[in-house]
Amino acid sequence: MKLQGTIIIPDAKLTQYLLVPRQEDDKSKFLAQARFTQDNPNELKQAILTLIQTYDATSDRQDKYGTYYRVEGDLVGSTRSLAVVTVWIERAEDGNIHTVTLKPKR
């Protein structure tokens, strides 16, 4: 199944988390391999949206906050594609689907 409904990827998730170098759990170097940087966060957002429109979501778990889904596939950048896992939550309170994280597929 494809994720459907209101999909929310906050800009801060990109510019203050995924694209920021960190001591632990740094995703910015991984994403930079496909030329996703602080200079082009909207390209990363569009690539993530394309990913979830292309690949099926699988239900991961459910708790009081909502239902979690995983979407695995290729995140297409300007220079190459990266195999990734994205995690989403369909919030119980409003039914909107929010991005939780993105990580390299191992």
PDB file of N, CA and C in Angstrom:
ATOM      1  N   MET A   1       0.837  -1.173   0.000  1.00  0.00           N
ATOM      2  CA  MET A   1       0.000   0.000   0.000  1.00  0.00           C
ATOM      3  C   MET A   1       0.884   1.240   0.000  1.00  0.00           C
ATOM      4  N   LYS A   2       0.424   2.274  -0.661  1.00  0.00           N
ATOM      5  CA  LYS A   2       1.125   3.554  -0.672  1.00  0.00           C
ATOM      6  C   LYS A   2       0.572   4.417   0.465  1.00  0.00           C
ATOM      7  N   LEU A   3       1.443   5.220   1.057  1.00  0.00           N
ATOM      8  CA  LEU A   3       0.973   6.165   2.063  1.00  0.00           C
ATOM      9  C   LEU A   3       0.085   7.190   1.376  1.00  0.00           C
ATOM     10  N   GLN A   4      -1.091   7.408   1.953  1.00  0.00           N
ATOM     11  CA  GLN A   4      -2.039   8.350   1.368  1.00  0.00           C
ATOM     12  C   GLN A   4      -2.610   9.238   2.460  1.00  0.00           C
ATOM     13  N   GLY A   5      -3.022  10.403   2.055  1.00  0.00           N
ATOM     14  CA  GLY A   5      -3.584  11.353   2.998  1.00  0.00           C
ATOM     15  C   GLY A   5      -2.684  12.563   3.090  1.00  0.00           C
ATOM     16  N   THR A   6      -2.754  13.238   4.208  1.00  0.00           N
ATOM     17  CA  THR A   6      -1.930  14.420   4.425  1.00  0.00           C
ATOM     18  C   THR A   6      -0.553  13.980   4.892  1.00  0.00           C
ATOM     19  N   ILE A   7       0.445  14.193   4.036  1.00  0.00           N
ATOM     20  CA  ILE A   7       1.834  13.820   4.328  1.00  0.00           C
ATOM     21  C   ILE A   7       2.559  15.069   4.795  1.00  0.00           C
ATOM     22  N   ILE A   8       3.196  14.992   5.953  1.00  0.00           N
ATOM     23  CA  ILE A   8       3.872  16.150   6.513  1.00  0.00           C
ATOM     24  C   ILE A   8       5.358  15.840   6.722  1.00  0.00           C
ATOM     25  N   ILE A   9       6.192  16.629   6.043  1.00  0.00           N
ATOM     26  CA  ILE A   9       7.641  16.579   6.224  1.00  0.00           C
ATOM     27  C   ILE A   9       8.056  17.984   6.647  1.00  0.00           C
ATOM     28  N   PRO A  10       8.188  18.221   7.937  1.00  0.00           N
ATOM     29  CA  PRO A  10       8.538  19.569   8.391  1.00  0.00           C
ATOM     30  C   PRO A  10       9.908  19.999   7.852  1.00  0.00           C
ATOM     31  N   ASP A  11      10.005  21.261   7.448  1.00  0.00           N
ATOM     32  CA  ASP A  11      11.290  21.776   6.964  1.00  0.00           C
ATOM     33  C   ASP A  11      12.383  21.583   8.010  1.00  0.00           C
ATOM     34  N   ALA A  12      12.035  21.757   9.279  1.00  0.00           N
ATOM     35  CA  ALA A  12      13.013  21.604  10.356  1.00  0.00           C
ATOM     36  C   ALA A  12      13.575  20.181  10.406  1.00  0.00           C
ATOM     37  N   LYS A  13      12.785  19.188  10.035  1.00  0.00           N
ATOM     38  CA  LYS A  13      13.272  17.803  10.017  1.00  0.00           C
ATOM     39  C   LYS A  13      14.433  17.675   9.023  1.00  0.00           C
ATOM     40  N   LEU A  14      14.359  18.446   7.949  1.00  0.00           N
ATOM     41  CA  LEU A  14      15.416  18.420   6.929  1.00  0.00           C
ATOM     42  C   LEU A  14      16.585  19.317   7.327  1.00  0.00           C
ATOM     43  N   THR A  15      16.293  20.570   7.625  1.00  0.00           N
ATOM     44  CA  THR A  15      17.348  21.568   7.819  1.00  0.00           C
ATOM     45  C   THR A  15      17.972  21.569   9.206  1.00  0.00           C
ATOM     46  N   GLN A  16      17.291  20.984  10.183  1.00  0.00           N
ATOM     47  CA  GLN A  16      17.842  20.976  11.534  1.00  0.00           C
ATOM     48  C   GLN A  16      18.143  19.568  12.047  1.00  0.00           C
ATOM     49  N   TYR A  17      17.940  18.571  11.191  1.00  0.00           N
ATOM     50  CA  TYR A  17      18.209  17.189  11.609  1.00  0.00           C
ATOM     51  C   TYR A  17      18.921  16.397  10.520  1.00  0.00           C
ATOM     52  N   LEU A  18      18.233  16.064   9.446  1.00  0.00           N
ATOM     53  CA  LEU A  18      18.811  15.177   8.433  1.00  0.00           C
ATOM     54  C   LEU A  18      20.028  15.762   7.728  1.00  0.00           C
ATOM     55  N   LEU A  19      20.033  17.057   7.474  1.00  0.00           N
ATOM     56  CA  LEU A  19      21.121  17.672   6.702  1.00  0.00           C
ATOM     57  C   LEU A  19      22.170  18.367   7.566  1.00  0.00           C
ATOM     58  N   VAL A  20      22.130  18.129   8.872  1.00  0.00           N
ATOM     59  CA  VAL A  20      23.073  18.753   9.806  1.00  0.00           C
ATOM     60  C   VAL A  20      24.089  17.710  10.274  1.00  0.00           C
ATOM     61  N   PRO A  21      25.398  18.031  10.139  1.00  0.00           N
ATOM     62  CA  PRO A  21      26.418  17.108  10.673  1.00  0.00           C
ATOM     63  C   PRO A  21      26.242  16.939  12.182  1.00  0.00           C
ATOM     64  N   ARG A  22      26.335  15.690  12.633  1.00  0.00           N
ATOM     65  CA  ARG A  22      26.140  15.376  14.044  1.00  0.00           C
ATOM     66  C   ARG A  22      27.246  14.420  14.497  1.00  0.00           C
ATOM     67  N   GLN A  23      27.521  14.443  15.791  1.00  0.00           N
ATOM     68  CA  GLN A  23      28.509  13.525  16.354  1.00  0.00           C
ATOM     69  C   GLN A  23      28.031  12.081  16.250  1.00  0.00           C
ATOM     70  N   GLU A  24      26.762  11.872  16.573  1.00  0.00           N
ATOM     71  CA  GLU A  24      26.184  10.533  16.503  1.00  0.00           C
ATOM     72  C   GLU A  24      25.025  10.546  15.523  1.00  0.00           C
ATOM     73  N   ASP A  25      24.834   9.429  14.864  1.00  0.00           N
ATOM     74  CA  ASP A  25      23.691   9.250  13.961  1.00  0.00           C
ATOM     75  C   ASP A  25      23.666  10.319  12.857  1.00  0.00           C
ATOM     76  N   ASP A  26      24.847  10.624  12.304  1.00  0.00           N
ATOM     77  CA  ASP A  26      24.964  11.634  11.252  1.00  0.00           C
ATOM     78  C   ASP A  26      24.446  11.084   9.932  1.00  0.00           C
ATOM     79  N   LYS A  27      23.420  11.715   9.411  1.00  0.00           N
ATOM     80  CA  LYS A  27      22.860  11.312   8.128  1.00  0.00           C
ATOM     81  C   LYS A  27      23.289  12.256   7.010  1.00  0.00           C
ATOM     82  N   SER A  28      23.845  13.414   7.368  1.00  0.00           N
ATOM     83  CA  SER A  28      24.189  14.425   6.377  1.00  0.00           C
ATOM     84  C   SER A  28      25.266  13.950   5.406  1.00  0.00           C
ATOM     85  N   LYS A  29      26.262  13.231   5.891  1.00  0.00           N
ATOM     86  CA  LYS A  29      27.321  12.731   4.992  1.00  0.00           C
ATOM     87  C   LYS A  29      26.756  11.700   4.016  1.00  0.00           C
ATOM     88  N   PHE A  30      25.898  10.848   4.514  1.00  0.00           N
ATOM     89  CA  PHE A  30      25.248   9.854   3.655  1.00  0.00           C
ATOM     90  C   PHE A  30      24.436  10.553   2.567  1.00  0.00           C
ATOM     91  N   LEU A  31      23.619  11.522   2.943  1.00  0.00           N
ATOM     92  CA  LEU A  31      22.774  12.228   1.983  1.00  0.00           C
ATOM     93  C   LEU A  31      23.581  13.074   1.005  1.00  0.00           C
ATOM     94  N   ALA A  32      24.725  13.577   1.448  1.00  0.00           N
ATOM     95  CA  ALA A  32      25.583  14.387   0.581  1.00  0.00           C
ATOM     96  C   ALA A  32      26.119  13.589  -0.604  1.00  0.00           C
ATOM     97  N   GLN A  33      26.172  12.270  -0.486  1.00  0.00           N
ATOM     98  CA  GLN A  33      26.622  11.424  -1.598  1.00  0.00           C
ATOM     99  C   GLN A  33      25.731  11.599  -2.832  1.00  0.00           C
ATOM    100  N   ALA A  34      24.478  11.968  -2.618  1.00  0.00           N
ATOM    101  CA  ALA A  34      23.534  12.195  -3.723  1.00  0.00           C
ATOM    102  C   ALA A  34      23.283  13.688  -3.918  1.00  0.00           C
ATOM    103  N   ARG A  35      24.145  14.508  -3.313  1.00  0.00           N
ATOM    104  CA  ARG A  35      24.108  15.976  -3.412  1.00  0.00           C
ATOM    105  C   ARG A  35      22.904  16.614  -2.720  1.00  0.00           C
ATOM    106  N   PHE A  36      22.431  15.962  -1.652  1.00  0.00           N
ATOM    107  CA  PHE A  36      21.423  16.596  -0.805  1.00  0.00           C
ATOM    108  C   PHE A  36      22.180  17.331   0.300  1.00  0.00           C
ATOM    109  N   THR A  37      22.020  18.650   0.357  1.00  0.00           N
ATOM    110  CA  THR A  37      22.744  19.460   1.337  1.00  0.00           C
ATOM    111  C   THR A  37      21.829  20.534   1.904  1.00  0.00           C
ATOM    112  N   GLN A  38      22.368  21.318   2.830  1.00  0.00           N
ATOM    113  CA  GLN A  38      21.636  22.446   3.408  1.00  0.00           C
ATOM    114  C   GLN A  38      21.238  23.458   2.330  1.00  0.00           C
ATOM    115  N   ASP A  39      21.965  23.457   1.217  1.00  0.00           N
ATOM    116  CA  ASP A  39      21.680  24.407   0.137  1.00  0.00           C
ATOM    117  C   ASP A  39      20.442  24.040  -0.674  1.00  0.00           C
ATOM    118  N   ASN A  40      19.990  22.789  -0.582  1.00  0.00           N
ATOM    119  CA  ASN A  40      18.846  22.357  -1.405  1.00  0.00           C
ATOM    120  C   ASN A  40      17.881  21.437  -0.643  1.00  0.00           C
ATOM    121  N   PRO A  41      17.399  21.849   0.527  1.00  0.00           N
ATOM    122  CA  PRO A  41      16.512  20.966   1.300  1.00  0.00           C
ATOM    123  C   PRO A  41      15.226  20.607   0.564  1.00  0.00           C
ATOM    124  N   ASN A  42      14.756  21.485  -0.313  1.00  0.00           N
ATOM    125  CA  ASN A  42      13.525  21.168  -1.045  1.00  0.00           C
ATOM    126  C   ASN A  42      13.723  20.017  -2.022  1.00  0.00           C
ATOM    127  N   GLU A  43      14.931  19.851  -2.535  1.00  0.00           N
ATOM    128  CA  GLU A  43      15.204  18.700  -3.404  1.00  0.00           C
ATOM    129  C   GLU A  43      15.113  17.404  -2.607  1.00  0.00           C
ATOM    130  N   LEU A  44      15.602  17.421  -1.378  1.00  0.00           N
ATOM    131  CA  LEU A  44      15.481  16.240  -0.521  1.00  0.00           C
ATOM    132  C   LEU A  44      14.011  15.966  -0.215  1.00  0.00           C
ATOM    133  N   LYS A  45      13.263  17.003   0.100  1.00  0.00           N
ATOM    134  CA  LYS A  45      11.835  16.820   0.397  1.00  0.00           C
ATOM    135  C   LYS A  45      11.117  16.197  -0.801  1.00  0.00           C
ATOM    136  N   GLN A  46      11.388  16.705  -1.991  1.00  0.00           N
ATOM    137  CA  GLN A  46      10.737  16.178  -3.192  1.00  0.00           C
ATOM    138  C   GLN A  46      11.152  14.725  -3.445  1.00  0.00           C
ATOM    139  N   ALA A  47      12.420  14.406  -3.214  1.00  0.00           N
ATOM    140  CA  ALA A  47      12.895  13.034  -3.405  1.00  0.00           C
ATOM    141  C   ALA A  47      12.214  12.079  -2.423  1.00  0.00           C
ATOM    142  N   ILE A  48      12.001  12.525  -1.198  1.00  0.00           N
ATOM    143  CA  ILE A  48      11.310  11.699  -0.201  1.00  0.00           C
ATOM    144  C   ILE A  48       9.859  11.483  -0.619  1.00  0.00           C
ATOM    145  N   LEU A  49       9.205  12.538  -1.083  1.00  0.00           N
ATOM    146  CA  LEU A  49       7.817  12.400  -1.543  1.00  0.00           C
ATOM    147  C   LEU A  49       7.722  11.456  -2.738  1.00  0.00           C
ATOM    148  N   THR A  50       8.677  11.538  -3.652  1.00  0.00           N
ATOM    149  CA  THR A  50       8.693  10.625  -4.800  1.00  0.00           C
ATOM    150  C   THR A  50       8.901   9.191  -4.329  1.00  0.00           C
ATOM    151  N   LEU A  51       9.768   9.006  -3.351  1.00  0.00           N
ATOM    152  CA  LEU A  51      10.030   7.675  -2.799  1.00  0.00           C
ATOM    153  C   LEU A  51       8.750   7.040  -2.270  1.00  0.00           C
ATOM    154  N   ILE A  52       7.968   7.799  -1.487  1.00  0.00           N
ATOM    155  CA  ILE A  52       6.775   7.192  -0.890  1.00  0.00           C
ATOM    156  C   ILE A  52       5.647   7.030  -1.895  1.00  0.00           C
ATOM    157  N   GLN A  53       5.732   7.720  -3.032  1.00  0.00           N
ATOM    158  CA  GLN A  53       4.752   7.515  -4.099  1.00  0.00           C
ATOM    159  C   GLN A  53       5.123   6.323  -4.974  1.00  0.00           C
ATOM    160  N   THR A  54       6.392   5.919  -4.905  1.00  0.00           N
ATOM    161  CA  THR A  54       6.916   4.849  -5.754  1.00  0.00           C
ATOM    162  C   THR A  54       6.891   3.485  -5.067  1.00  0.00           C
ATOM    163  N   TYR A  55       7.203   3.477  -3.784  1.00  0.00           N
ATOM    164  CA  TYR A  55       7.349   2.218  -3.041  1.00  0.00           C
ATOM    165  C   TYR A  55       6.222   2.036  -2.033  1.00  0.00           C
ATOM    166  N   ASP A  56       5.905   0.780  -1.758  1.00  0.00           N
ATOM    167  CA  ASP A  56       4.852   0.456  -0.801  1.00  0.00           C
ATOM    168  C   ASP A  56       5.317   0.649   0.636  1.00  0.00           C
ATOM    169  N   ALA A  57       4.371   1.009   1.474  1.00  0.00           N
ATOM    170  CA  ALA A  57       4.600   1.125   2.912  1.00  0.00           C
ATOM    171  C   ALA A  57       4.182  -0.179   3.580  1.00  0.00           C
ATOM    172  N   THR A  58       4.920  -0.555   4.599  1.00  0.00           N
ATOM    173  CA  THR A  58       4.541  -1.718   5.395  1.00  0.00           C
ATOM    174  C   THR A  58       4.312  -1.252   6.833  1.00  0.00           C
ATOM    175  N   SER A  59       3.257  -1.766   7.427  1.00  0.00           N
ATOM    176  CA  SER A  59       2.950  -1.428   8.810  1.00  0.00           C
ATOM    177  C   SER A  59       4.033  -2.009   9.702  1.00  0.00           C
ATOM    178  N   ASP A  60       4.540  -1.193  10.613  1.00  0.00           N
ATOM    179  CA  ASP A  60       5.644  -1.610  11.472  1.00  0.00           C
ATOM    180  C   ASP A  60       5.159  -1.943  12.879  1.00  0.00           C
ATOM    181  N   ARG A  61       4.403  -1.015  13.459  1.00  0.00           N
ATOM    182  CA  ARG A  61       3.866  -1.232  14.806  1.00  0.00           C
ATOM    183  C   ARG A  61       2.819  -0.175  15.092  1.00  0.00           C
ATOM    184  N   GLN A  62       2.162  -0.322  16.220  1.00  0.00           N
ATOM    185  CA  GLN A  62       1.138   0.633  16.621  1.00  0.00           C
ATOM    186  C   GLN A  62       1.260   0.869  18.112  1.00  0.00           C
ATOM    187  N   ASP A  63       1.049   2.125  18.514  1.00  0.00           N
ATOM    188  CA  ASP A  63       1.002   2.446  19.935  1.00  0.00           C
ATOM    189  C   ASP A  63      -0.043   3.543  20.143  1.00  0.00           C
ATOM    190  N   LYS A  64      -0.067   4.124  21.313  1.00  0.00           N
ATOM    191  CA  LYS A  64      -1.109   5.122  21.605  1.00  0.00           C
ATOM    192  C   LYS A  64      -0.982   6.370  20.743  1.00  0.00           C
ATOM    193  N   TYR A  65       0.193   6.591  20.146  1.00  0.00           N
ATOM    194  CA  TYR A  65       0.401   7.780  19.313  1.00  0.00           C
ATOM    195  C   TYR A  65      -0.046   7.575  17.873  1.00  0.00           C
ATOM    196  N   GLY A  66      -0.101   6.321  17.439  1.00  0.00           N
ATOM    197  CA  GLY A  66      -0.542   6.053  16.083  1.00  0.00           C
ATOM    198  C   GLY A  66       0.073   4.794  15.504  1.00  0.00           C
ATOM    199  N   THR A  67      -0.006   4.688  14.180  1.00  0.00           N
ATOM    200  CA  THR A  67       0.528   3.537  13.464  1.00  0.00           C
ATOM    201  C   THR A  67       1.797   3.958  12.734  1.00  0.00           C
ATOM    202  N   TYR A  68       2.835   3.160  12.900  1.00  0.00           N
ATOM    203  CA  TYR A  68       4.121   3.434  12.272  1.00  0.00           C
ATOM    204  C   TYR A  68       4.256   2.596  11.003  1.00  0.00           C
ATOM    205  N   TYR A  69       4.837   3.210   9.990  1.00  0.00           N
ATOM    206  CA  TYR A  69       5.061   2.551   8.707  1.00  0.00           C
ATOM    207  C   TYR A  69       6.516   2.719   8.290  1.00  0.00           C
ATOM    208  N   ARG A  70       6.972   1.760   7.494  1.00  0.00           N
ATOM    209  CA  ARG A  70       8.300   1.837   6.877  1.00  0.00           C
ATOM    210  C   ARG A  70       8.123   1.844   5.369  1.00  0.00           C
ATOM    211  N   VAL A  71       8.894   2.692   4.721  1.00  0.00           N
ATOM    212  CA  VAL A  71       8.964   2.687   3.263  1.00  0.00           C
ATOM    213  C   VAL A  71      10.432   2.580   2.910  1.00  0.00           C
ATOM    214  N   GLU A  72      10.785   1.491   2.220  1.00  0.00           N
ATOM    215  CA  GLU A  72      12.163   1.262   1.811  1.00  0.00           C
ATOM    216  C   GLU A  72      12.263   1.386   0.307  1.00  0.00           C
ATOM    217  N   GLY A  73      13.360   1.990  -0.154  1.00  0.00           N
ATOM    218  CA  GLY A  73      13.552   2.124  -1.592  1.00  0.00           C
ATOM    219  C   GLY A  73      14.737   3.005  -1.915  1.00  0.00           C
ATOM    220  N   ASP A  74      14.795   3.448  -3.163  1.00  0.00           N
ATOM    221  CA  ASP A  74      15.892   4.279  -3.639  1.00  0.00           C
ATOM    222  C   ASP A  74      15.504   5.747  -3.603  1.00  0.00           C
ATOM    223  N   LEU A  75      16.280   6.520  -2.886  1.00  0.00           N
ATOM    224  CA  LEU A  75      16.126   7.964  -2.833  1.00  0.00           C
ATOM    225  C   LEU A  75      16.987   8.532  -3.957  1.00  0.00           C
ATOM    226  N   VAL A  76      16.361   9.156  -4.941  1.00  0.00           N
ATOM    227  CA  VAL A  76      17.066   9.578  -6.147  1.00  0.00           C
ATOM    228  C   VAL A  76      17.544  11.021  -6.005  1.00  0.00           C
ATOM    229  N   GLY A  77      18.869  11.172  -6.053  1.00  0.00           N
ATOM    230  CA  GLY A  77      19.480  12.495  -6.000  1.00  0.00           C
ATOM    231  C   GLY A  77      20.001  12.890  -7.366  1.00  0.00           C
ATOM    232  N   SER A  78      20.691  14.017  -7.444  1.00  0.00           N
ATOM    233  CA  SER A  78      21.174  14.520  -8.727  1.00  0.00           C
ATOM    234  C   SER A  78      22.365  13.732  -9.259  1.00  0.00           C
ATOM    235  N   THR A  79      23.091  13.051  -8.376  1.00  0.00           N
ATOM    236  CA  THR A  79      24.282  12.316  -8.823  1.00  0.00           C
ATOM    237  C   THR A  79      24.169  10.806  -8.683  1.00  0.00           C
ATOM    238  N   ARG A  80      23.310  10.356  -7.814  1.00  0.00           N
ATOM    239  CA  ARG A  80      23.140   8.915  -7.609  1.00  0.00           C
ATOM    240  C   ARG A  80      21.913   8.647  -6.765  1.00  0.00           C
ATOM    241  N   SER A  81      21.584   7.377  -6.637  1.00  0.00           N
ATOM    242  CA  SER A  81      20.472   6.945  -5.788  1.00  0.00           C
ATOM    243  C   SER A  81      21.036   6.316  -4.525  1.00  0.00           C
ATOM    244  N   LEU A  82      20.318   6.486  -3.444  1.00  0.00           N
ATOM    245  CA  LEU A  82      20.711   5.923  -2.154  1.00  0.00           C
ATOM    246  C   LEU A  82      19.618   4.990  -1.661  1.00  0.00           C
ATOM    247  N   ALA A  83      20.002   3.794  -1.234  1.00  0.00           N
ATOM    248  CA  ALA A  83      19.043   2.861  -0.651  1.00  0.00           C
ATOM    249  C   ALA A  83      18.745   3.318   0.775  1.00  0.00           C
ATOM    250  N   VAL A  84      17.463   3.592   1.049  1.00  0.00           N
ATOM    251  CA  VAL A  84      17.080   4.136   2.352  1.00  0.00           C
ATOM    252  C   VAL A  84      15.877   3.415   2.935  1.00  0.00           C
ATOM    253  N   VAL A  85      15.708   3.629   4.220  1.00  0.00           N
ATOM    254  CA  VAL A  85      14.506   3.231   4.947  1.00  0.00           C
ATOM    255  C   VAL A  85      13.940   4.519   5.540  1.00  0.00           C
ATOM    256  N   THR A  86      12.677   4.781   5.290  1.00  0.00           N
ATOM    257  CA  THR A  86      12.012   5.922   5.927  1.00  0.00           C
ATOM    258  C   THR A  86      10.969   5.375   6.889  1.00  0.00           C
ATOM    259  N   VAL A  87      10.783   6.092   7.977  1.00  0.00           N
ATOM    260  CA  VAL A  87       9.808   5.703   8.993  1.00  0.00           C
ATOM    261  C   VAL A  87       8.804   6.841   9.121  1.00  0.00           C
ATOM    262  N   TRP A  88       7.546   6.475   9.185  1.00  0.00           N
ATOM    263  CA  TRP A  88       6.432   7.423   9.227  1.00  0.00           C
ATOM    264  C   TRP A  88       5.481   7.041  10.343  1.00  0.00           C
ATOM    265  N   ILE A  89       4.727   8.025  10.836  1.00  0.00           N
ATOM    266  CA  ILE A  89       3.662   7.742  11.787  1.00  0.00           C
ATOM    267  C   ILE A  89       2.378   8.386  11.286  1.00  0.00           C
ATOM    268  N   GLU A  90       1.335   7.574  11.252  1.00  0.00           N
ATOM    269  CA  GLU A  90      -0.002   8.101  11.015  1.00  0.00           C
ATOM    270  C   GLU A  90      -0.570   8.379  12.399  1.00  0.00           C
ATOM    271  N   ARG A  91      -0.615   9.644  12.747  1.00  0.00           N
ATOM    272  CA  ARG A  91      -0.961  10.032  14.115  1.00  0.00           C
ATOM    273  C   ARG A  91      -2.411   9.718  14.450  1.00  0.00           C
ATOM    274  N   ALA A  92      -2.587   9.127  15.611  1.00  0.00           N
ATOM    275  CA  ALA A  92      -3.924   8.763  16.079  1.00  0.00           C
ATOM    276  C   ALA A  92      -4.789  10.005  16.280  1.00  0.00           C
ATOM    277  N   GLU A  93      -4.174  11.113  16.687  1.00  0.00           N
ATOM    278  CA  GLU A  93      -4.957  12.312  17.023  1.00  0.00           C
ATOM    279  C   GLU A  93      -5.597  12.988  15.818  1.00  0.00           C
ATOM    280  N   ASP A  94      -4.942  12.939  14.641  1.00  0.00           N
ATOM    281  CA  ASP A  94      -5.502  13.666  13.495  1.00  0.00           C
ATOM    282  C   ASP A  94      -5.451  12.899  12.175  1.00  0.00           C
ATOM    283  N   GLY A  95      -4.810  11.724  12.160  1.00  0.00           N
ATOM    284  CA  GLY A  95      -4.739  10.930  10.940  1.00  0.00           C
ATOM    285  C   GLY A  95      -3.706  11.407   9.938  1.00  0.00           C
ATOM    286  N   ASN A  96      -3.008  12.522  10.239  1.00  0.00           N
ATOM    287  CA  ASN A  96      -1.956  12.996   9.351  1.00  0.00           C
ATOM    288  C   ASN A  96      -0.735  12.088   9.453  1.00  0.00           C
ATOM    289  N   ILE A  97      -0.004  11.996   8.354  1.00  0.00           N
ATOM    290  CA  ILE A  97       1.165  11.121   8.294  1.00  0.00           C
ATOM    291  C   ILE A  97       2.413  11.993   8.349  1.00  0.00           C
ATOM    292  N   HIS A  98       3.203  11.798   9.401  1.00  0.00           N
ATOM    293  CA  HIS A  98       4.409  12.596   9.639  1.00  0.00           C
ATOM    294  C   HIS A  98       5.657  11.735   9.462  1.00  0.00           C
ATOM    295  N   THR A  99       6.693  12.347   8.893  1.00  0.00           N
ATOM    296  CA  THR A  99       7.963  11.641   8.796  1.00  0.00           C
ATOM    297  C   THR A  99       8.598  11.548  10.178  1.00  0.00           C
ATOM    298  N   VAL A 100       9.181  10.394  10.474  1.00  0.00           N
ATOM    299  CA  VAL A 100       9.877  10.188  11.739  1.00  0.00           C
ATOM    300  C   VAL A 100      11.376  10.269  11.493  1.00  0.00           C
ATOM    301  N   THR A 101      11.868   9.486  10.532  1.00  0.00           N
ATOM    302  CA  THR A 101      13.301   9.510  10.231  1.00  0.00           C
ATOM    303  C   THR A 101      13.576   8.892   8.870  1.00  0.00           C
ATOM    304  N   LEU A 102      14.790   9.035   8.455  1.00  0.00           N
ATOM    305  CA  LEU A 102      15.317   8.429   7.232  1.00  0.00           C
ATOM    306  C   LEU A 102      16.690   7.892   7.597  1.00  0.00           C
ATOM    307  N   LYS A 103      17.008   6.692   7.144  1.00  0.00           N
ATOM    308  CA  LYS A 103      18.317   6.124   7.441  1.00  0.00           C
ATOM    309  C   LYS A 103      18.770   5.260   6.278  1.00  0.00           C
ATOM    310  N   PRO A 104      20.072   5.010   6.187  1.00  0.00           N
ATOM    311  CA  PRO A 104      20.579   4.132   5.142  1.00  0.00           C
ATOM    312  C   PRO A 104      20.013   2.721   5.314  1.00  0.00           C
ATOM    313  N   LYS A 105      19.707   2.087   4.205  1.00  0.00           N
ATOM    314  CA  LYS A 105      19.253   0.697   4.266  1.00  0.00           C
ATOM    315  C   LYS A 105      20.499  -0.181   4.391  1.00  0.00           C
ATOM    316  N   ARG A 106      20.507  -1.057   5.344  1.00  0.00           N
ATOM    317  CA  ARG A 106      21.672  -1.921   5.593  1.00  0.00           C
ATOM    318  C   ARG A 106      21.432  -3.290   5.023  1.00  0.00           C
TER     319      ARG A 106
END
